[in-house]
Amino acid sequence: MMEQKTFTFPEMEYVRPDFEEIGEKAKELTARVDLAKSYEEVKSCLLEMEEFSKHMRTAVTIVSSGTPWIPGMNSMKKKTHT
């Protein structure tokens, strides 16, 4: 069985997602799906996008778990009642 490593936040590297690259990759895969001639080709594109997007989701998880509030993200601000 493969050994699992446990990380703590200070050990986890945050790499900001390149949203431009993500958008370009999505456009490329969408075009490939449009041109696909078989289910296997479509499935391949979907699996490729899933693998590609894992890194973005991980980065978002690291940031949202380790940062209580990020300027500009109103949903994360604490609300005060008067």
PDB file of N, CA and C in Angstrom:
ATOM      1  N   MET A   1       0.838  -1.178   0.000  1.00  0.00           N
ATOM      2  CA  MET A   1       0.000   0.000   0.000  1.00  0.00           C
ATOM      3  C   MET A   1       0.884   1.243   0.000  1.00  0.00           C
ATOM      4  N   MET A   2       0.456   2.276  -0.729  1.00  0.00           N
ATOM      5  CA  MET A   2       1.222   3.515  -0.855  1.00  0.00           C
ATOM      6  C   MET A   2       1.143   4.322   0.449  1.00  0.00           C
ATOM      7  N   GLU A   3       2.292   4.822   0.904  1.00  0.00           N
ATOM      8  CA  GLU A   3       2.341   5.626   2.118  1.00  0.00           C
ATOM      9  C   GLU A   3       1.799   7.021   1.842  1.00  0.00           C
ATOM     10  N   GLN A   4       0.951   7.509   2.738  1.00  0.00           N
ATOM     11  CA  GLN A   4       0.401   8.847   2.592  1.00  0.00           C
ATOM     12  C   GLN A   4       1.165   9.812   3.479  1.00  0.00           C
ATOM     13  N   LYS A   5       1.460  10.976   2.963  1.00  0.00           N
ATOM     14  CA  LYS A   5       2.149  12.013   3.719  1.00  0.00           C
ATOM     15  C   LYS A   5       1.114  13.013   4.214  1.00  0.00           C
ATOM     16  N   THR A   6       1.236  13.394   5.455  1.00  0.00           N
ATOM     17  CA  THR A   6       0.349  14.394   6.034  1.00  0.00           C
ATOM     18  C   THR A   6       1.060  15.741   6.004  1.00  0.00           C
ATOM     19  N   PHE A   7       0.372  16.753   5.485  1.00  0.00           N
ATOM     20  CA  PHE A   7       0.925  18.095   5.382  1.00  0.00           C
ATOM     21  C   PHE A   7       0.275  19.008   6.404  1.00  0.00           C
ATOM     22  N   THR A   8       1.020  20.012   6.821  1.00  0.00           N
ATOM     23  CA  THR A   8       0.447  21.096   7.606  1.00  0.00           C
ATOM     24  C   THR A   8       0.447  22.321   6.716  1.00  0.00           C
ATOM     25  N   PHE A   9      -0.346  23.339   7.062  1.00  0.00           N
ATOM     26  CA  PHE A   9      -0.434  24.518   6.199  1.00  0.00           C
ATOM     27  C   PHE A   9       0.911  25.158   5.887  1.00  0.00           C
ATOM     28  N   PRO A  10       1.813  25.307   6.860  1.00  0.00           N
ATOM     29  CA  PRO A  10       3.101  25.921   6.515  1.00  0.00           C
ATOM     30  C   PRO A  10       3.903  25.127   5.474  1.00  0.00           C
ATOM     31  N   GLU A  11       3.641  23.830   5.374  1.00  0.00           N
ATOM     32  CA  GLU A  11       4.371  22.997   4.421  1.00  0.00           C
ATOM     33  C   GLU A  11       3.746  23.000   3.024  1.00  0.00           C
ATOM     34  N   MET A  12       2.494  23.400   2.924  1.00  0.00           N
ATOM     35  CA  MET A  12       1.790  23.349   1.642  1.00  0.00           C
ATOM     36  C   MET A  12       2.112  24.593   0.820  1.00  0.00           C
ATOM     37  N   GLU A  13       2.528  24.367  -0.394  1.00  0.00           N
ATOM     38  CA  GLU A  13       2.873  25.480  -1.272  1.00  0.00           C
ATOM     39  C   GLU A  13       1.615  25.970  -1.997  1.00  0.00           C
ATOM     40  N   TYR A  14       1.379  27.263  -1.909  1.00  0.00           N
ATOM     41  CA  TYR A  14       0.262  27.856  -2.643  1.00  0.00           C
ATOM     42  C   TYR A  14       0.792  28.436  -3.941  1.00  0.00           C
ATOM     43  N   VAL A  15       0.220  27.987  -5.033  1.00  0.00           N
ATOM     44  CA  VAL A  15       0.547  28.528  -6.344  1.00  0.00           C
ATOM     45  C   VAL A  15      -0.739  29.122  -6.894  1.00  0.00           C
ATOM     46  N   ARG A  16      -0.708  30.443  -7.127  1.00  0.00           N
ATOM     47  CA  ARG A  16      -1.900  31.138  -7.608  1.00  0.00           C
ATOM     48  C   ARG A  16      -2.325  30.556  -8.961  1.00  0.00           C
ATOM     49  N   PRO A  17      -3.602  30.178  -9.089  1.00  0.00           N
ATOM     50  CA  PRO A  17      -4.078  29.642 -10.370  1.00  0.00           C
ATOM     51  C   PRO A  17      -3.947  30.680 -11.478  1.00  0.00           C
ATOM     52  N   ASP A  18      -3.565  30.253 -12.641  1.00  0.00           N
ATOM     53  CA  ASP A  18      -3.463  31.119 -13.813  1.00  0.00           C
ATOM     54  C   ASP A  18      -4.803  31.027 -14.541  1.00  0.00           C
ATOM     55  N   PHE A  19      -5.703  31.959 -14.223  1.00  0.00           N
ATOM     56  CA  PHE A  19      -7.056  31.893 -14.766  1.00  0.00           C
ATOM     57  C   PHE A  19      -7.094  32.073 -16.282  1.00  0.00           C
ATOM     58  N   GLU A  20      -6.148  32.802 -16.816  1.00  0.00           N
ATOM     59  CA  GLU A  20      -6.067  32.942 -18.272  1.00  0.00           C
ATOM     60  C   GLU A  20      -5.747  31.586 -18.906  1.00  0.00           C
ATOM     61  N   GLU A  21      -4.801  30.874 -18.315  1.00  0.00           N
ATOM     62  CA  GLU A  21      -4.440  29.547 -18.814  1.00  0.00           C
ATOM     63  C   GLU A  21      -5.618  28.580 -18.693  1.00  0.00           C
ATOM     64  N   ILE A  22      -6.337  28.674 -17.582  1.00  0.00           N
ATOM     65  CA  ILE A  22      -7.493  27.801 -17.375  1.00  0.00           C
ATOM     66  C   ILE A  22      -8.556  28.070 -18.439  1.00  0.00           C
ATOM     67  N   GLY A  23      -8.803  29.360 -18.717  1.00  0.00           N
ATOM     68  CA  GLY A  23      -9.777  29.714 -19.749  1.00  0.00           C
ATOM     69  C   GLY A  23      -9.372  29.218 -21.127  1.00  0.00           C
ATOM     70  N   GLU A  24      -8.089  29.359 -21.447  1.00  0.00           N
ATOM     71  CA  GLU A  24      -7.592  28.885 -22.745  1.00  0.00           C
ATOM     72  C   GLU A  24      -7.713  27.365 -22.854  1.00  0.00           C
ATOM     73  N   LYS A  25      -7.402  26.670 -21.763  1.00  0.00           N
ATOM     74  CA  LYS A  25      -7.501  25.209 -21.758  1.00  0.00           C
ATOM     75  C   LYS A  25      -8.955  24.784 -21.941  1.00  0.00           C
ATOM     76  N   ALA A  26      -9.866  25.482 -21.289  1.00  0.00           N
ATOM     77  CA  ALA A  26     -11.295  25.167 -21.434  1.00  0.00           C
ATOM     78  C   ALA A  26     -11.762  25.386 -22.875  1.00  0.00           C
ATOM     79  N   LYS A  27     -11.311  26.477 -23.493  1.00  0.00           N
ATOM     80  CA  LYS A  27     -11.668  26.736 -24.898  1.00  0.00           C
ATOM     81  C   LYS A  27     -11.121  25.641 -25.805  1.00  0.00           C
ATOM     82  N   GLU A  28      -9.862  25.260 -25.560  1.00  0.00           N
ATOM     83  CA  GLU A  28      -9.234  24.205 -26.378  1.00  0.00           C
ATOM     84  C   GLU A  28     -10.005  22.890 -26.254  1.00  0.00           C
ATOM     85  N   LEU A  29     -10.322  22.512 -25.028  1.00  0.00           N
ATOM     86  CA  LEU A  29     -11.030  21.247 -24.820  1.00  0.00           C
ATOM     87  C   LEU A  29     -12.455  21.304 -25.370  1.00  0.00           C
ATOM     88  N   THR A  30     -13.105  22.464 -25.269  1.00  0.00           N
ATOM     89  CA  THR A  30     -14.448  22.615 -25.833  1.00  0.00           C
ATOM     90  C   THR A  30     -14.408  22.428 -27.348  1.00  0.00           C
ATOM     91  N   ALA A  31     -13.409  23.000 -27.984  1.00  0.00           N
ATOM     92  CA  ALA A  31     -13.261  22.842 -29.437  1.00  0.00           C
ATOM     93  C   ALA A  31     -13.015  21.379 -29.793  1.00  0.00           C
ATOM     94  N   ARG A  32     -12.199  20.708 -28.990  1.00  0.00           N
ATOM     95  CA  ARG A  32     -11.928  19.291 -29.254  1.00  0.00           C
ATOM     96  C   ARG A  32     -13.185  18.442 -29.079  1.00  0.00           C
ATOM     97  N   VAL A  33     -14.007  18.787 -28.086  1.00  0.00           N
ATOM     98  CA  VAL A  33     -15.265  18.059 -27.885  1.00  0.00           C
ATOM     99  C   VAL A  33     -16.182  18.293 -29.083  1.00  0.00           C
ATOM    100  N   ASP A  34     -16.263  19.535 -29.562  1.00  0.00           N
ATOM    101  CA  ASP A  34     -17.102  19.855 -30.727  1.00  0.00           C
ATOM    102  C   ASP A  34     -16.690  19.051 -31.954  1.00  0.00           C
ATOM    103  N   LEU A  35     -15.390  18.779 -32.079  1.00  0.00           N
ATOM    104  CA  LEU A  35     -14.879  18.047 -33.244  1.00  0.00           C
ATOM    105  C   LEU A  35     -14.795  16.534 -33.021  1.00  0.00           C
ATOM    106  N   ALA A  36     -15.089  16.087 -31.820  1.00  0.00           N
ATOM    107  CA  ALA A  36     -14.950  14.662 -31.487  1.00  0.00           C
ATOM    108  C   ALA A  36     -15.865  13.804 -32.350  1.00  0.00           C
ATOM    109  N   LYS A  37     -15.327  12.672 -32.727  1.00  0.00           N
ATOM    110  CA  LYS A  37     -16.089  11.749 -33.569  1.00  0.00           C
ATOM    111  C   LYS A  37     -16.524  10.502 -32.796  1.00  0.00           C
ATOM    112  N   SER A  38     -16.141  10.438 -31.509  1.00  0.00           N
ATOM    113  CA  SER A  38     -16.517   9.269 -30.725  1.00  0.00           C
ATOM    114  C   SER A  38     -16.654   9.639 -29.253  1.00  0.00           C
ATOM    115  N   TYR A  39     -17.328   8.766 -28.538  1.00  0.00           N
ATOM    116  CA  TYR A  39     -17.477   8.942 -27.097  1.00  0.00           C
ATOM    117  C   TYR A  39     -16.102   8.936 -26.423  1.00  0.00           C
ATOM    118  N   GLU A  40     -15.203   8.099 -26.890  1.00  0.00           N
ATOM    119  CA  GLU A  40     -13.872   8.000 -26.293  1.00  0.00           C
ATOM    120  C   GLU A  40     -13.124   9.335 -26.380  1.00  0.00           C
ATOM    121  N   GLU A  41     -13.264  10.043 -27.487  1.00  0.00           N
ATOM    122  CA  GLU A  41     -12.609  11.342 -27.644  1.00  0.00           C
ATOM    123  C   GLU A  41     -13.204  12.369 -26.676  1.00  0.00           C
ATOM    124  N   VAL A  42     -14.511  12.363 -26.513  1.00  0.00           N
ATOM    125  CA  VAL A  42     -15.175  13.281 -25.582  1.00  0.00           C
ATOM    126  C   VAL A  42     -14.747  12.948 -24.156  1.00  0.00           C
ATOM    127  N   LYS A  43     -14.773  11.674 -23.819  1.00  0.00           N
ATOM    128  CA  LYS A  43     -14.385  11.240 -22.474  1.00  0.00           C
ATOM    129  C   LYS A  43     -12.948  11.645 -22.167  1.00  0.00           C
ATOM    130  N   SER A  44     -12.079  11.513 -23.134  1.00  0.00           N
ATOM    131  CA  SER A  44     -10.678  11.897 -22.962  1.00  0.00           C
ATOM    132  C   SER A  44     -10.570  13.388 -22.619  1.00  0.00           C
ATOM    133  N   CYS A  45     -11.326  14.214 -23.297  1.00  0.00           N
ATOM    134  CA  CYS A  45     -11.315  15.663 -23.028  1.00  0.00           C
ATOM    135  C   CYS A  45     -11.835  15.964 -21.633  1.00  0.00           C
ATOM    136  N   LEU A  46     -12.906  15.290 -21.247  1.00  0.00           N
ATOM    137  CA  LEU A  46     -13.477  15.515 -19.918  1.00  0.00           C
ATOM    138  C   LEU A  46     -12.500  15.104 -18.822  1.00  0.00           C
ATOM    139  N   LEU A  47     -11.848  13.973 -19.010  1.00  0.00           N
ATOM    140  CA  LEU A  47     -10.870  13.517 -18.020  1.00  0.00           C
ATOM    141  C   LEU A  47      -9.667  14.455 -17.953  1.00  0.00           C
ATOM    142  N   GLU A  48      -9.261  14.971 -19.103  1.00  0.00           N
ATOM    143  CA  GLU A  48      -8.144  15.918 -19.141  1.00  0.00           C
ATOM    144  C   GLU A  48      -8.501  17.200 -18.387  1.00  0.00           C
ATOM    145  N   MET A  49      -9.717  17.704 -18.582  1.00  0.00           N
ATOM    146  CA  MET A  49     -10.131  18.917 -17.880  1.00  0.00           C
ATOM    147  C   MET A  49     -10.252  18.655 -16.383  1.00  0.00           C
ATOM    148  N   GLU A  50     -10.741  17.491 -16.023  1.00  0.00           N
ATOM    149  CA  GLU A  50     -10.850  17.135 -14.606  1.00  0.00           C
ATOM    150  C   GLU A  50      -9.467  17.145 -13.949  1.00  0.00           C
ATOM    151  N   GLU A  51      -8.496  16.541 -14.582  1.00  0.00           N
ATOM    152  CA  GLU A  51      -7.124  16.503 -14.048  1.00  0.00           C
ATOM    153  C   GLU A  51      -6.540  17.913 -13.969  1.00  0.00           C
ATOM    154  N   PHE A  52      -6.764  18.695 -15.004  1.00  0.00           N
ATOM    155  CA  PHE A  52      -6.251  20.064 -15.061  1.00  0.00           C
ATOM    156  C   PHE A  52      -6.861  20.930 -13.958  1.00  0.00           C
ATOM    157  N   SER A  53      -8.160  20.766 -13.706  1.00  0.00           N
ATOM    158  CA  SER A  53      -8.850  21.607 -12.739  1.00  0.00           C
ATOM    159  C   SER A  53      -8.592  21.195 -11.287  1.00  0.00           C
ATOM    160  N   LYS A  54      -8.058  20.005 -11.046  1.00  0.00           N
ATOM    161  CA  LYS A  54      -7.741  19.572  -9.680  1.00  0.00           C
ATOM    162  C   LYS A  54      -6.781  20.541  -9.013  1.00  0.00           C
ATOM    163  N   HIS A  55      -5.810  21.013  -9.754  1.00  0.00           N
ATOM    164  CA  HIS A  55      -4.813  21.912  -9.198  1.00  0.00           C
ATOM    165  C   HIS A  55      -5.447  23.233  -8.768  1.00  0.00           C
ATOM    166  N   MET A  56      -6.386  23.733  -9.560  1.00  0.00           N
ATOM    167  CA  MET A  56      -7.062  24.978  -9.207  1.00  0.00           C
ATOM    168  C   MET A  56      -7.888  24.778  -7.940  1.00  0.00           C
ATOM    169  N   ARG A  57      -8.627  23.689  -7.868  1.00  0.00           N
ATOM    170  CA  ARG A  57      -9.449  23.438  -6.685  1.00  0.00           C
ATOM    171  C   ARG A  57      -8.589  23.288  -5.432  1.00  0.00           C
ATOM    172  N   THR A  58      -7.431  22.652  -5.570  1.00  0.00           N
ATOM    173  CA  THR A  58      -6.529  22.510  -4.428  1.00  0.00           C
ATOM    174  C   THR A  58      -6.040  23.868  -3.960  1.00  0.00           C
ATOM    175  N   ALA A  59      -5.651  24.724  -4.897  1.00  0.00           N
ATOM    176  CA  ALA A  59      -5.171  26.060  -4.545  1.00  0.00           C
ATOM    177  C   ALA A  59      -6.268  26.857  -3.841  1.00  0.00           C
ATOM    178  N   VAL A  60      -7.491  26.769  -4.331  1.00  0.00           N
ATOM    179  CA  VAL A  60      -8.610  27.490  -3.723  1.00  0.00           C
ATOM    180  C   VAL A  60      -8.870  26.951  -2.311  1.00  0.00           C
ATOM    181  N   THR A  61      -8.764  25.659  -2.128  1.00  0.00           N
ATOM    182  CA  THR A  61      -8.957  25.055  -0.812  1.00  0.00           C
ATOM    183  C   THR A  61      -7.896  25.530   0.170  1.00  0.00           C
ATOM    184  N   ILE A  62      -6.644  25.568  -0.273  1.00  0.00           N
ATOM    185  CA  ILE A  62      -5.552  26.013   0.598  1.00  0.00           C
ATOM    186  C   ILE A  62      -5.792  27.447   1.034  1.00  0.00           C
ATOM    187  N   VAL A  63      -6.144  28.300   0.091  1.00  0.00           N
ATOM    188  CA  VAL A  63      -6.359  29.708   0.414  1.00  0.00           C
ATOM    189  C   VAL A  63      -7.560  29.881   1.333  1.00  0.00           C
ATOM    190  N   SER A  64      -8.671  29.258   1.025  1.00  0.00           N
ATOM    191  CA  SER A  64      -9.875  29.473   1.825  1.00  0.00           C
ATOM    192  C   SER A  64      -9.766  28.834   3.202  1.00  0.00           C
ATOM    193  N   SER A  65      -8.975  27.788   3.340  1.00  0.00           N
ATOM    194  CA  SER A  65      -8.813  27.134   4.638  1.00  0.00           C
ATOM    195  C   SER A  65      -7.838  27.872   5.533  1.00  0.00           C
ATOM    196  N   GLY A  66      -6.856  28.510   4.942  1.00  0.00           N
ATOM    197  CA  GLY A  66      -5.822  29.153   5.739  1.00  0.00           C
ATOM    198  C   GLY A  66      -5.984  30.637   5.924  1.00  0.00           C
ATOM    199  N   THR A  67      -6.972  31.232   5.263  1.00  0.00           N
ATOM    200  CA  THR A  67      -7.161  32.671   5.329  1.00  0.00           C
ATOM    201  C   THR A  67      -8.589  32.970   5.760  1.00  0.00           C
ATOM    202  N   PRO A  68      -8.785  33.600   6.932  1.00  0.00           N
ATOM    203  CA  PRO A  68     -10.143  33.851   7.396  1.00  0.00           C
ATOM    204  C   PRO A  68     -10.895  34.903   6.593  1.00  0.00           C
ATOM    205  N   TRP A  69     -10.175  35.849   5.969  1.00  0.00           N
ATOM    206  CA  TRP A  69     -10.836  36.889   5.196  1.00  0.00           C
ATOM    207  C   TRP A  69      -9.899  37.402   4.118  1.00  0.00           C
ATOM    208  N   ILE A  70     -10.418  37.510   2.907  1.00  0.00           N
ATOM    209  CA  ILE A  70      -9.654  38.024   1.782  1.00  0.00           C
ATOM    210  C   ILE A  70     -10.357  39.283   1.291  1.00  0.00           C
ATOM    211  N   PRO A  71      -9.655  40.430   1.209  1.00  0.00           N
ATOM    212  CA  PRO A  71     -10.296  41.660   0.729  1.00  0.00           C
ATOM    213  C   PRO A  71     -10.983  41.435  -0.613  1.00  0.00           C
ATOM    214  N   GLY A  72     -12.186  41.954  -0.730  1.00  0.00           N
ATOM    215  CA  GLY A  72     -12.919  41.835  -1.985  1.00  0.00           C
ATOM    216  C   GLY A  72     -13.835  40.632  -2.038  1.00  0.00           C
ATOM    217  N   MET A  73     -13.726  39.743  -1.073  1.00  0.00           N
ATOM    218  CA  MET A  73     -14.588  38.563  -1.060  1.00  0.00           C
ATOM    219  C   MET A  73     -15.624  38.769   0.046  1.00  0.00           C
ATOM    220  N   ASN A  74     -16.691  39.495  -0.290  1.00  0.00           N
ATOM    221  CA  ASN A  74     -17.700  39.898   0.689  1.00  0.00           C
ATOM    222  C   ASN A  74     -18.331  38.727   1.426  1.00  0.00           C
ATOM    223  N   SER A  75     -18.437  37.585   0.784  1.00  0.00           N
ATOM    224  CA  SER A  75     -19.089  36.450   1.430  1.00  0.00           C
ATOM    225  C   SER A  75     -18.284  35.935   2.613  1.00  0.00           C
ATOM    226  N   MET A  76     -17.011  36.305   2.697  1.00  0.00           N
ATOM    227  CA  MET A  76     -16.173  35.809   3.775  1.00  0.00           C
ATOM    228  C   MET A  76     -16.064  36.811   4.929  1.00  0.00           C
ATOM    229  N   LYS A  77     -16.609  38.006   4.755  1.00  0.00           N
ATOM    230  CA  LYS A  77     -16.537  39.013   5.810  1.00  0.00           C
ATOM    231  C   LYS A  77     -17.482  38.637   6.947  1.00  0.00           C
ATOM    232  N   LYS A  78     -17.042  38.918   8.151  1.00  0.00           N
ATOM    233  CA  LYS A  78     -17.920  38.695   9.293  1.00  0.00           C
ATOM    234  C   LYS A  78     -18.993  39.768   9.290  1.00  0.00           C
ATOM    235  N   LYS A  79     -20.208  39.364   9.522  1.00  0.00           N
ATOM    236  CA  LYS A  79     -21.310  40.310   9.554  1.00  0.00           C
ATOM    237  C   LYS A  79     -21.541  40.754  10.998  1.00  0.00           C
ATOM    238  N   THR A  80     -21.779  42.027  11.148  1.00  0.00           N
ATOM    239  CA  THR A  80     -22.082  42.548  12.480  1.00  0.00           C
ATOM    240  C   THR A  80     -23.537  42.965  12.502  1.00  0.00           C
ATOM    241  N   HIS A  81     -24.162  42.717  13.626  1.00  0.00           N
ATOM    242  CA  HIS A  81     -25.567  43.067  13.777  1.00  0.00           C
ATOM    243  C   HIS A  81     -25.660  44.260  14.710  1.00  0.00           C
ATOM    244  N   THR A  82     -26.483  45.231  14.332  1.00  0.00           N
ATOM    245  CA  THR A  82     -26.649  46.413  15.170  1.00  0.00           C
ATOM    246  C   THR A  82     -28.027  46.480  15.779  1.00  0.00           C
TER     247      THR A  82
END
